[in-house]
Amino acid sequence: MVPTEAYVILSMVLFAMGTLGVLLRRNAIIVFMSVELMLNASNLALVAFSRQWQGVDGQLFTFFVMTVAAAEVAVGLALIVAIFRTKQSINIDELHLMEG
């Protein structure tokens, strides 16, 4: 059996990688994937703690987060495609030009 601490450490590493991706990258798709990585890291932690305490609450929350993430992917990718069609770029630094 893999100890819960290993899952939590893996979850922390994945969440940190996602956070760094959001903070350091300027490409909208990379930022979007980093947010998804952070969501999956939190799902991993929820399932690990749910397994440790022999409950299903963490798994239910994970199912809810996955459902919301699927809706986020649909809306987020539609926005990225719309921005790309108008600006011919998905660089986040160039989006401030859309003001006004």
PDB file of N, CA and C in Angstrom:
ATOM      1  N   MET A   1       0.841  -1.184   0.000  1.00  0.00           N
ATOM      2  CA  MET A   1       0.000   0.000   0.000  1.00  0.00           C
ATOM      3  C   MET A   1       0.884   1.245   0.000  1.00  0.00           C
ATOM      4  N   VAL A   2       0.537   2.184  -0.829  1.00  0.00           N
ATOM      5  CA  VAL A   2       1.246   3.467  -0.883  1.00  0.00           C
ATOM      6  C   VAL A   2       0.703   4.349   0.239  1.00  0.00           C
ATOM      7  N   PRO A   3       1.594   4.939   1.042  1.00  0.00           N
ATOM      8  CA  PRO A   3       1.095   5.779   2.145  1.00  0.00           C
ATOM      9  C   PRO A   3       0.453   7.068   1.630  1.00  0.00           C
ATOM     10  N   THR A   4      -0.446   7.602   2.421  1.00  0.00           N
ATOM     11  CA  THR A   4      -1.157   8.826   2.054  1.00  0.00           C
ATOM     12  C   THR A   4      -0.195   9.998   1.883  1.00  0.00           C
ATOM     13  N   GLU A   5       0.885   9.990   2.659  1.00  0.00           N
ATOM     14  CA  GLU A   5       1.853  11.092   2.568  1.00  0.00           C
ATOM     15  C   GLU A   5       2.459  11.197   1.167  1.00  0.00           C
ATOM     16  N   ALA A   6       2.664  10.060   0.510  1.00  0.00           N
ATOM     17  CA  ALA A   6       3.217  10.078  -0.842  1.00  0.00           C
ATOM     18  C   ALA A   6       2.250  10.761  -1.810  1.00  0.00           C
ATOM     19  N   TYR A   7       0.959  10.478  -1.675  1.00  0.00           N
ATOM     20  CA  TYR A   7      -0.034  11.127  -2.517  1.00  0.00           C
ATOM     21  C   TYR A   7      -0.091  12.629  -2.246  1.00  0.00           C
ATOM     22  N   VAL A   8      -0.008  13.001  -0.985  1.00  0.00           N
ATOM     23  CA  VAL A   8      -0.064  14.418  -0.629  1.00  0.00           C
ATOM     24  C   VAL A   8       1.174  15.154  -1.152  1.00  0.00           C
ATOM     25  N   ILE A   9       2.336  14.539  -1.041  1.00  0.00           N
ATOM     26  CA  ILE A   9       3.555  15.162  -1.561  1.00  0.00           C
ATOM     27  C   ILE A   9       3.466  15.311  -3.076  1.00  0.00           C
ATOM     28  N   LEU A  10       2.997  14.287  -3.763  1.00  0.00           N
ATOM     29  CA  LEU A  10       2.810  14.379  -5.207  1.00  0.00           C
ATOM     30  C   LEU A  10       1.807  15.474  -5.549  1.00  0.00           C
ATOM     31  N   SER A  11       0.741  15.566  -4.781  1.00  0.00           N
ATOM     32  CA  SER A  11      -0.251  16.608  -4.999  1.00  0.00           C
ATOM     33  C   SER A  11       0.351  17.995  -4.798  1.00  0.00           C
ATOM     34  N   MET A  12       1.190  18.162  -3.789  1.00  0.00           N
ATOM     35  CA  MET A  12       1.827  19.455  -3.548  1.00  0.00           C
ATOM     36  C   MET A  12       2.776  19.818  -4.682  1.00  0.00           C
ATOM     37  N   VAL A  13       3.515  18.843  -5.176  1.00  0.00           N
ATOM     38  CA  VAL A  13       4.446  19.108  -6.280  1.00  0.00           C
ATOM     39  C   VAL A  13       3.675  19.506  -7.539  1.00  0.00           C
ATOM     40  N   LEU A  14       2.605  18.783  -7.842  1.00  0.00           N
ATOM     41  CA  LEU A  14       1.803  19.116  -9.015  1.00  0.00           C
ATOM     42  C   LEU A  14       1.160  20.492  -8.880  1.00  0.00           C
ATOM     43  N   PHE A  15       0.672  20.810  -7.677  1.00  0.00           N
ATOM     44  CA  PHE A  15       0.051  22.117  -7.462  1.00  0.00           C
ATOM     45  C   PHE A  15       1.086  23.229  -7.599  1.00  0.00           C
ATOM     46  N   ALA A  16       2.292  22.999  -7.080  1.00  0.00           N
ATOM     47  CA  ALA A  16       3.356  24.003  -7.203  1.00  0.00           C
ATOM     48  C   ALA A  16       3.745  24.206  -8.666  1.00  0.00           C
ATOM     49  N   MET A  17       3.812  23.122  -9.425  1.00  0.00           N
ATOM     50  CA  MET A  17       4.126  23.242 -10.848  1.00  0.00           C
ATOM     51  C   MET A  17       3.043  24.031 -11.575  1.00  0.00           C
ATOM     52  N   GLY A  18       1.790  23.776 -11.237  1.00  0.00           N
ATOM     53  CA  GLY A  18       0.689  24.530 -11.840  1.00  0.00           C
ATOM     54  C   GLY A  18       0.731  25.998 -11.471  1.00  0.00           C
ATOM     55  N   THR A  19       1.057  26.286 -10.219  1.00  0.00           N
ATOM     56  CA  THR A  19       1.152  27.670  -9.782  1.00  0.00           C
ATOM     57  C   THR A  19       2.269  28.403 -10.520  1.00  0.00           C
ATOM     58  N   LEU A  20       3.413  27.745 -10.641  1.00  0.00           N
ATOM     59  CA  LEU A  20       4.519  28.358 -11.384  1.00  0.00           C
ATOM     60  C   LEU A  20       4.143  28.582 -12.846  1.00  0.00           C
ATOM     61  N   GLY A  21       3.413  27.648 -13.422  1.00  0.00           N
ATOM     62  CA  GLY A  21       2.968  27.815 -14.800  1.00  0.00           C
ATOM     63  C   GLY A  21       2.046  29.000 -14.974  1.00  0.00           C
ATOM     64  N   VAL A  22       1.154  29.220 -14.008  1.00  0.00           N
ATOM     65  CA  VAL A  22       0.242  30.364 -14.083  1.00  0.00           C
ATOM     66  C   VAL A  22       0.998  31.672 -13.909  1.00  0.00           C
ATOM     67  N   LEU A  23       1.944  31.689 -12.988  1.00  0.00           N
ATOM     68  CA  LEU A  23       2.646  32.934 -12.679  1.00  0.00           C
ATOM     69  C   LEU A  23       3.718  33.299 -13.699  1.00  0.00           C
ATOM     70  N   LEU A  24       4.369  32.319 -14.301  1.00  0.00           N
ATOM     71  CA  LEU A  24       5.531  32.597 -15.130  1.00  0.00           C
ATOM     72  C   LEU A  24       5.270  32.589 -16.631  1.00  0.00           C
ATOM     73  N   ARG A  25       4.278  31.877 -17.076  1.00  0.00           N
ATOM     74  CA  ARG A  25       4.066  31.743 -18.523  1.00  0.00           C
ATOM     75  C   ARG A  25       3.140  32.842 -19.032  1.00  0.00           C
ATOM     76  N   ARG A  26       3.286  33.210 -20.290  1.00  0.00           N
ATOM     77  CA  ARG A  26       2.475  34.256 -20.906  1.00  0.00           C
ATOM     78  C   ARG A  26       1.542  33.711 -21.979  1.00  0.00           C
ATOM     79  N   ASN A  27       1.652  32.452 -22.307  1.00  0.00           N
ATOM     80  CA  ASN A  27       0.795  31.832 -23.310  1.00  0.00           C
ATOM     81  C   ASN A  27      -0.506  31.410 -22.635  1.00  0.00           C
ATOM     82  N   ALA A  28      -1.639  31.813 -23.199  1.00  0.00           N
ATOM     83  CA  ALA A  28      -2.935  31.552 -22.572  1.00  0.00           C
ATOM     84  C   ALA A  28      -3.220  30.054 -22.459  1.00  0.00           C
ATOM     85  N   ILE A  29      -2.816  29.275 -23.430  1.00  0.00           N
ATOM     86  CA  ILE A  29      -3.081  27.833 -23.376  1.00  0.00           C
ATOM     87  C   ILE A  29      -2.243  27.178 -22.279  1.00  0.00           C
ATOM     88  N   ILE A  30      -0.998  27.594 -22.118  1.00  0.00           N
ATOM     89  CA  ILE A  30      -0.151  27.053 -21.052  1.00  0.00           C
ATOM     90  C   ILE A  30      -0.721  27.434 -19.685  1.00  0.00           C
ATOM     91  N   VAL A  31      -1.178  28.672 -19.548  1.00  0.00           N
ATOM     92  CA  VAL A  31      -1.794  29.101 -18.287  1.00  0.00           C
ATOM     93  C   VAL A  31      -3.047  28.279 -18.021  1.00  0.00           C
ATOM     94  N   PHE A  32      -3.824  28.055 -19.051  1.00  0.00           N
ATOM     95  CA  PHE A  32      -5.046  27.260 -18.927  1.00  0.00           C
ATOM     96  C   PHE A  32      -4.728  25.824 -18.485  1.00  0.00           C
ATOM     97  N   MET A  33      -3.708  25.233 -19.084  1.00  0.00           N
ATOM     98  CA  MET A  33      -3.308  23.875 -18.694  1.00  0.00           C
ATOM     99  C   MET A  33      -2.758  23.851 -17.270  1.00  0.00           C
ATOM    100  N   SER A  34      -2.101  24.910 -16.856  1.00  0.00           N
ATOM    101  CA  SER A  34      -1.575  24.981 -15.494  1.00  0.00           C
ATOM    102  C   SER A  34      -2.705  25.033 -14.469  1.00  0.00           C
ATOM    103  N   VAL A  35      -3.757  25.749 -14.784  1.00  0.00           N
ATOM    104  CA  VAL A  35      -4.926  25.778 -13.889  1.00  0.00           C
ATOM    105  C   VAL A  35      -5.543  24.387 -13.790  1.00  0.00           C
ATOM    106  N   GLU A  36      -5.623  23.697 -14.901  1.00  0.00           N
ATOM    107  CA  GLU A  36      -6.141  22.323 -14.884  1.00  0.00           C
ATOM    108  C   GLU A  36      -5.242  21.403 -14.056  1.00  0.00           C
ATOM    109  N   LEU A  37      -3.936  21.601 -14.135  1.00  0.00           N
ATOM    110  CA  LEU A  37      -3.004  20.822 -13.329  1.00  0.00           C
ATOM    111  C   LEU A  37      -3.229  21.083 -11.844  1.00  0.00           C
ATOM    112  N   MET A  38      -3.502  22.325 -11.484  1.00  0.00           N
ATOM    113  CA  MET A  38      -3.783  22.651 -10.089  1.00  0.00           C
ATOM    114  C   MET A  38      -5.090  22.002  -9.621  1.00  0.00           C
ATOM    115  N   LEU A  39      -6.090  21.989 -10.482  1.00  0.00           N
ATOM    116  CA  LEU A  39      -7.350  21.321 -10.129  1.00  0.00           C
ATOM    117  C   LEU A  39      -7.146  19.820  -9.930  1.00  0.00           C
ATOM    118  N   ASN A  40      -6.366  19.204 -10.798  1.00  0.00           N
ATOM    119  CA  ASN A  40      -6.114  17.767 -10.663  1.00  0.00           C
ATOM    120  C   ASN A  40      -5.271  17.454  -9.433  1.00  0.00           C
ATOM    121  N   ALA A  41      -4.375  18.354  -9.061  1.00  0.00           N
ATOM    122  CA  ALA A  41      -3.591  18.152  -7.841  1.00  0.00           C
ATOM    123  C   ALA A  41      -4.501  18.188  -6.616  1.00  0.00           C
ATOM    124  N   SER A  42      -5.447  19.103  -6.600  1.00  0.00           N
ATOM    125  CA  SER A  42      -6.378  19.143  -5.473  1.00  0.00           C
ATOM    126  C   SER A  42      -7.284  17.915  -5.468  1.00  0.00           C
ATOM    127  N   ASN A  43      -7.655  17.436  -6.647  1.00  0.00           N
ATOM    128  CA  ASN A  43      -8.446  16.201  -6.717  1.00  0.00           C
ATOM    129  C   ASN A  43      -7.677  15.019  -6.143  1.00  0.00           C
ATOM    130  N   LEU A  44      -6.398  14.938  -6.455  1.00  0.00           N
ATOM    131  CA  LEU A  44      -5.563  13.858  -5.929  1.00  0.00           C
ATOM    132  C   LEU A  44      -5.514  13.898  -4.406  1.00  0.00           C
ATOM    133  N   ALA A  45      -5.356  15.076  -3.846  1.00  0.00           N
ATOM    134  CA  ALA A  45      -5.332  15.207  -2.388  1.00  0.00           C
ATOM    135  C   ALA A  45      -6.675  14.828  -1.779  1.00  0.00           C
ATOM    136  N   LEU A  46      -7.765  15.259  -2.404  1.00  0.00           N
ATOM    137  CA  LEU A  46      -9.095  14.907  -1.887  1.00  0.00           C
ATOM    138  C   LEU A  46      -9.316  13.397  -1.878  1.00  0.00           C
ATOM    139  N   VAL A  47      -8.940  12.736  -2.957  1.00  0.00           N
ATOM    140  CA  VAL A  47      -9.127  11.283  -3.032  1.00  0.00           C
ATOM    141  C   VAL A  47      -8.199  10.572  -2.050  1.00  0.00           C
ATOM    142  N   ALA A  48      -6.982  11.071  -1.877  1.00  0.00           N
ATOM    143  CA  ALA A  48      -6.041  10.446  -0.938  1.00  0.00           C
ATOM    144  C   ALA A  48      -6.566  10.525   0.485  1.00  0.00           C
ATOM    145  N   PHE A  49      -7.062  11.692   0.880  1.00  0.00           N
ATOM    146  CA  PHE A  49      -7.602  11.819   2.237  1.00  0.00           C
ATOM    147  C   PHE A  49      -8.895  11.034   2.394  1.00  0.00           C
ATOM    148  N   SER A  50      -9.680  10.966   1.344  1.00  0.00           N
ATOM    149  CA  SER A  50     -10.900  10.170   1.388  1.00  0.00           C
ATOM    150  C   SER A  50     -10.567   8.696   1.592  1.00  0.00           C
ATOM    151  N   ARG A  51      -9.516   8.229   0.933  1.00  0.00           N
ATOM    152  CA  ARG A  51      -9.084   6.838   1.093  1.00  0.00           C
ATOM    153  C   ARG A  51      -8.549   6.585   2.502  1.00  0.00           C
ATOM    154  N   GLN A  52      -7.822   7.564   3.036  1.00  0.00           N
ATOM    155  CA  GLN A  52      -7.244   7.400   4.371  1.00  0.00           C
ATOM    156  C   GLN A  52      -8.337   7.285   5.431  1.00  0.00           C
ATOM    157  N   TRP A  53      -9.378   8.093   5.295  1.00  0.00           N
ATOM    158  CA  TRP A  53     -10.437   8.103   6.304  1.00  0.00           C
ATOM    159  C   TRP A  53     -11.605   7.188   5.953  1.00  0.00           C
ATOM    160  N   GLN A  54     -11.459   6.378   4.922  1.00  0.00           N
ATOM    161  CA  GLN A  54     -12.481   5.435   4.459  1.00  0.00           C
ATOM    162  C   GLN A  54     -13.854   6.096   4.293  1.00  0.00           C
ATOM    163  N   GLY A  55     -13.856   7.226   3.628  1.00  0.00           N
ATOM    164  CA  GLY A  55     -15.111   7.926   3.340  1.00  0.00           C
ATOM    165  C   GLY A  55     -15.231   8.143   1.847  1.00  0.00           C
ATOM    166  N   VAL A  56     -16.378   8.614   1.445  1.00  0.00           N
ATOM    167  CA  VAL A  56     -16.590   8.899   0.029  1.00  0.00           C
ATOM    168  C   VAL A  56     -16.740  10.393  -0.228  1.00  0.00           C
ATOM    169  N   ASP A  57     -16.606  11.212   0.809  1.00  0.00           N
ATOM    170  CA  ASP A  57     -16.795  12.650   0.646  1.00  0.00           C
ATOM    171  C   ASP A  57     -15.782  13.243  -0.323  1.00  0.00           C
ATOM    172  N   GLY A  58     -14.525  12.883  -0.179  1.00  0.00           N
ATOM    173  CA  GLY A  58     -13.489  13.402  -1.076  1.00  0.00           C
ATOM    174  C   GLY A  58     -13.718  12.995  -2.508  1.00  0.00           C
ATOM    175  N   GLN A  59     -14.209  11.785  -2.706  1.00  0.00           N
ATOM    176  CA  GLN A  59     -14.481  11.323  -4.064  1.00  0.00           C
ATOM    177  C   GLN A  59     -15.676  12.055  -4.668  1.00  0.00           C
ATOM    178  N   LEU A  60     -16.659  12.379  -3.844  1.00  0.00           N
ATOM    179  CA  LEU A  60     -17.804  13.152  -4.330  1.00  0.00           C
ATOM    180  C   LEU A  60     -17.376  14.570  -4.705  1.00  0.00           C
ATOM    181  N   PHE A  61     -16.541  15.187  -3.871  1.00  0.00           N
ATOM    182  CA  PHE A  61     -16.034  16.518  -4.197  1.00  0.00           C
ATOM    183  C   PHE A  61     -15.200  16.478  -5.473  1.00  0.00           C
ATOM    184  N   THR A  62     -14.421  15.429  -5.638  1.00  0.00           N
ATOM    185  CA  THR A  62     -13.609  15.285  -6.843  1.00  0.00           C
ATOM    186  C   THR A  62     -14.493  15.177  -8.078  1.00  0.00           C
ATOM    187  N   PHE A  63     -15.564  14.428  -7.971  1.00  0.00           N
ATOM    188  CA  PHE A  63     -16.502  14.321  -9.089  1.00  0.00           C
ATOM    189  C   PHE A  63     -17.094  15.683  -9.422  1.00  0.00           C
ATOM    190  N   PHE A  64     -17.442  16.464  -8.398  1.00  0.00           N
ATOM    191  CA  PHE A  64     -17.987  17.806  -8.617  1.00  0.00           C
ATOM    192  C   PHE A  64     -16.949  18.713  -9.271  1.00  0.00           C
ATOM    193  N   VAL A  65     -15.706  18.669  -8.803  1.00  0.00           N
ATOM    194  CA  VAL A  65     -14.638  19.498  -9.369  1.00  0.00           C
ATOM    195  C   VAL A  65     -14.378  19.107 -10.822  1.00  0.00           C
ATOM    196  N   MET A  66     -14.412  17.817 -11.124  1.00  0.00           N
ATOM    197  CA  MET A  66     -14.204  17.373 -12.505  1.00  0.00           C
ATOM    198  C   MET A  66     -15.330  17.862 -13.410  1.00  0.00           C
ATOM    199  N   THR A  67     -16.546  17.897 -12.898  1.00  0.00           N
ATOM    200  CA  THR A  67     -17.680  18.389 -13.673  1.00  0.00           C
ATOM    201  C   THR A  67     -17.533  19.872 -13.967  1.00  0.00           C
ATOM    202  N   VAL A  68     -17.151  20.640 -12.946  1.00  0.00           N
ATOM    203  CA  VAL A  68     -16.949  22.072 -13.141  1.00  0.00           C
ATOM    204  C   VAL A  68     -15.768  22.325 -14.071  1.00  0.00           C
ATOM    205  N   ALA A  69     -14.711  21.518 -13.952  1.00  0.00           N
ATOM    206  CA  ALA A  69     -13.533  21.676 -14.813  1.00  0.00           C
ATOM    207  C   ALA A  69     -13.881  21.395 -16.274  1.00  0.00           C
ATOM    208  N   ALA A  70     -14.768  20.448 -16.513  1.00  0.00           N
ATOM    209  CA  ALA A  70     -15.179  20.168 -17.891  1.00  0.00           C
ATOM    210  C   ALA A  70     -15.912  21.366 -18.487  1.00  0.00           C
ATOM    211  N   ALA A  71     -16.763  22.000 -17.701  1.00  0.00           N
ATOM    212  CA  ALA A  71     -17.448  23.206 -18.173  1.00  0.00           C
ATOM    213  C   ALA A  71     -16.442  24.341 -18.383  1.00  0.00           C
ATOM    214  N   GLU A  72     -15.467  24.442 -17.485  1.00  0.00           N
ATOM    215  CA  GLU A  72     -14.433  25.468 -17.613  1.00  0.00           C
ATOM    216  C   GLU A  72     -13.632  25.275 -18.894  1.00  0.00           C
ATOM    217  N   VAL A  73     -13.313  24.044 -19.221  1.00  0.00           N
ATOM    218  CA  VAL A  73     -12.557  23.760 -20.443  1.00  0.00           C
ATOM    219  C   VAL A  73     -13.344  24.210 -21.665  1.00  0.00           C
ATOM    220  N   ALA A  74     -14.617  23.928 -21.683  1.00  0.00           N
ATOM    221  CA  ALA A  74     -15.428  24.313 -22.836  1.00  0.00           C
ATOM    222  C   ALA A  74     -15.468  25.830 -23.001  1.00  0.00           C
ATOM    223  N   VAL A  75     -15.729  26.539 -21.924  1.00  0.00           N
ATOM    224  CA  VAL A  75     -15.814  27.999 -21.995  1.00  0.00           C
ATOM    225  C   VAL A  75     -14.436  28.613 -22.228  1.00  0.00           C
ATOM    226  N   GLY A  76     -13.424  28.119 -21.524  1.00  0.00           N
ATOM    227  CA  GLY A  76     -12.080  28.679 -21.641  1.00  0.00           C
ATOM    228  C   GLY A  76     -11.500  28.514 -23.028  1.00  0.00           C
ATOM    229  N   LEU A  77     -11.635  27.336 -23.596  1.00  0.00           N
ATOM    230  CA  LEU A  77     -11.111  27.129 -24.946  1.00  0.00           C
ATOM    231  C   LEU A  77     -11.875  27.948 -25.977  1.00  0.00           C
ATOM    232  N   ALA A  78     -13.180  28.118 -25.776  1.00  0.00           N
ATOM    233  CA  ALA A  78     -13.950  28.972 -26.691  1.00  0.00           C
ATOM    234  C   ALA A  78     -13.457  30.410 -26.614  1.00  0.00           C
ATOM    235  N   LEU A  79     -13.168  30.895 -25.421  1.00  0.00           N
ATOM    236  CA  LEU A  79     -12.632  32.254 -25.282  1.00  0.00           C
ATOM    237  C   LEU A  79     -11.255  32.380 -25.921  1.00  0.00           C
ATOM    238  N   ILE A  80     -10.405  31.395 -25.708  1.00  0.00           N
ATOM    239  CA  ILE A  80      -9.060  31.441 -26.294  1.00  0.00           C
ATOM    240  C   ILE A  80      -9.135  31.438 -27.817  1.00  0.00           C
ATOM    241  N   VAL A  81     -10.017  30.622 -28.382  1.00  0.00           N
ATOM    242  CA  VAL A  81     -10.169  30.582 -29.836  1.00  0.00           C
ATOM    243  C   VAL A  81     -10.704  31.920 -30.358  1.00  0.00           C
ATOM    244  N   ALA A  82     -11.670  32.492 -29.639  1.00  0.00           N
ATOM    245  CA  ALA A  82     -12.224  33.788 -30.073  1.00  0.00           C
ATOM    246  C   ALA A  82     -11.168  34.887 -30.009  1.00  0.00           C
ATOM    247  N   ILE A  83     -10.363  34.880 -28.966  1.00  0.00           N
ATOM    248  CA  ILE A  83      -9.298  35.878 -28.849  1.00  0.00           C
ATOM    249  C   ILE A  83      -8.258  35.676 -29.945  1.00  0.00           C
ATOM    250  N   PHE A  84      -7.925  34.432 -30.225  1.00  0.00           N
ATOM    251  CA  PHE A  84      -6.942  34.160 -31.271  1.00  0.00           C
ATOM    252  C   PHE A  84      -7.439  34.619 -32.639  1.00  0.00           C
ATOM    253  N   ARG A  85      -8.725  34.428 -32.901  1.00  0.00           N
ATOM    254  CA  ARG A  85      -9.275  34.833 -34.201  1.00  0.00           C
ATOM    255  C   ARG A  85      -9.227  36.339 -34.389  1.00  0.00           C
ATOM    256  N   THR A  86      -9.387  37.102 -33.306  1.00  0.00           N
ATOM    257  CA  THR A  86      -9.384  38.560 -33.447  1.00  0.00           C
ATOM    258  C   THR A  86      -7.983  39.151 -33.363  1.00  0.00           C
ATOM    259  N   LYS A  87      -7.125  38.605 -32.516  1.00  0.00           N
ATOM    260  CA  LYS A  87      -5.797  39.187 -32.284  1.00  0.00           C
ATOM    261  C   LYS A  87      -4.660  38.435 -32.979  1.00  0.00           C
ATOM    262  N   GLN A  88      -4.910  37.242 -33.464  1.00  0.00           N
ATOM    263  CA  GLN A  88      -3.884  36.389 -34.072  1.00  0.00           C
ATOM    264  C   GLN A  88      -2.749  36.073 -33.105  1.00  0.00           C
ATOM    265  N   SER A  89      -3.041  36.117 -31.812  1.00  0.00           N
ATOM    266  CA  SER A  89      -2.051  35.804 -30.778  1.00  0.00           C
ATOM    267  C   SER A  89      -2.798  35.405 -29.516  1.00  0.00           C
ATOM    268  N   ILE A  90      -2.166  34.544 -28.723  1.00  0.00           N
ATOM    269  CA  ILE A  90      -2.747  34.180 -27.437  1.00  0.00           C
ATOM    270  C   ILE A  90      -1.818  34.558 -26.294  1.00  0.00           C
ATOM    271  N   ASN A  91      -0.949  35.530 -26.559  1.00  0.00           N
ATOM    272  CA  ASN A  91      -0.041  36.025 -25.531  1.00  0.00           C
ATOM    273  C   ASN A  91      -0.832  36.900 -24.563  1.00  0.00           C
ATOM    274  N   ILE A  92      -0.747  36.597 -23.288  1.00  0.00           N
ATOM    275  CA  ILE A  92      -1.532  37.296 -22.274  1.00  0.00           C
ATOM    276  C   ILE A  92      -1.128  38.761 -22.182  1.00  0.00           C
ATOM    277  N   ASP A  93       0.132  39.069 -22.406  1.00  0.00           N
ATOM    278  CA  ASP A  93       0.595  40.455 -22.320  1.00  0.00           C
ATOM    279  C   ASP A  93      -0.061  41.346 -23.375  1.00  0.00           C
ATOM    280  N   GLU A  94      -0.471  40.784 -24.475  1.00  0.00           N
ATOM    281  CA  GLU A  94      -1.097  41.562 -25.535  1.00  0.00           C
ATOM    282  C   GLU A  94      -2.594  41.755 -25.331  1.00  0.00           C
ATOM    283  N   LEU A  95      -3.186  41.121 -24.340  1.00  0.00           N
ATOM    284  CA  LEU A  95      -4.639  41.226 -24.148  1.00  0.00           C
ATOM    285  C   LEU A  95      -5.051  42.580 -23.598  1.00  0.00           C
ATOM    286  N   HIS A  96      -4.135  43.318 -22.984  1.00  0.00           N
ATOM    287  CA  HIS A  96      -4.514  44.639 -22.476  1.00  0.00           C
ATOM    288  C   HIS A  96      -4.851  45.584 -23.615  1.00  0.00           C
ATOM    289  N   LEU A  97      -4.490  45.237 -24.833  1.00  0.00           N
ATOM    290  CA  LEU A  97      -4.827  46.049 -25.987  1.00  0.00           C
ATOM    291  C   LEU A  97      -6.315  45.967 -26.329  1.00  0.00           C
ATOM    292  N   MET A  98      -7.015  45.012 -25.734  1.00  0.00           N
ATOM    293  CA  MET A  98      -8.448  44.859 -25.999  1.00  0.00           C
ATOM    294  C   MET A  98      -9.277  45.882 -25.229  1.00  0.00           C
ATOM    295  N   GLU A  99      -8.673  46.604 -24.302  1.00  0.00           N
ATOM    296  CA  GLU A  99      -9.399  47.589 -23.526  1.00  0.00           C
ATOM    297  C   GLU A  99      -9.818  48.752 -24.418  1.00  0.00           C
ATOM    298  N   GLY A 100     -10.971  49.334 -24.060  1.00  0.00           N
ATOM    299  CA  GLY A 100     -11.404  50.562 -24.748  1.00  0.00           C
ATOM    300  C   GLY A 100     -11.918  50.260 -26.083  1.00  0.00           C
TER     301      GLY A 100
END
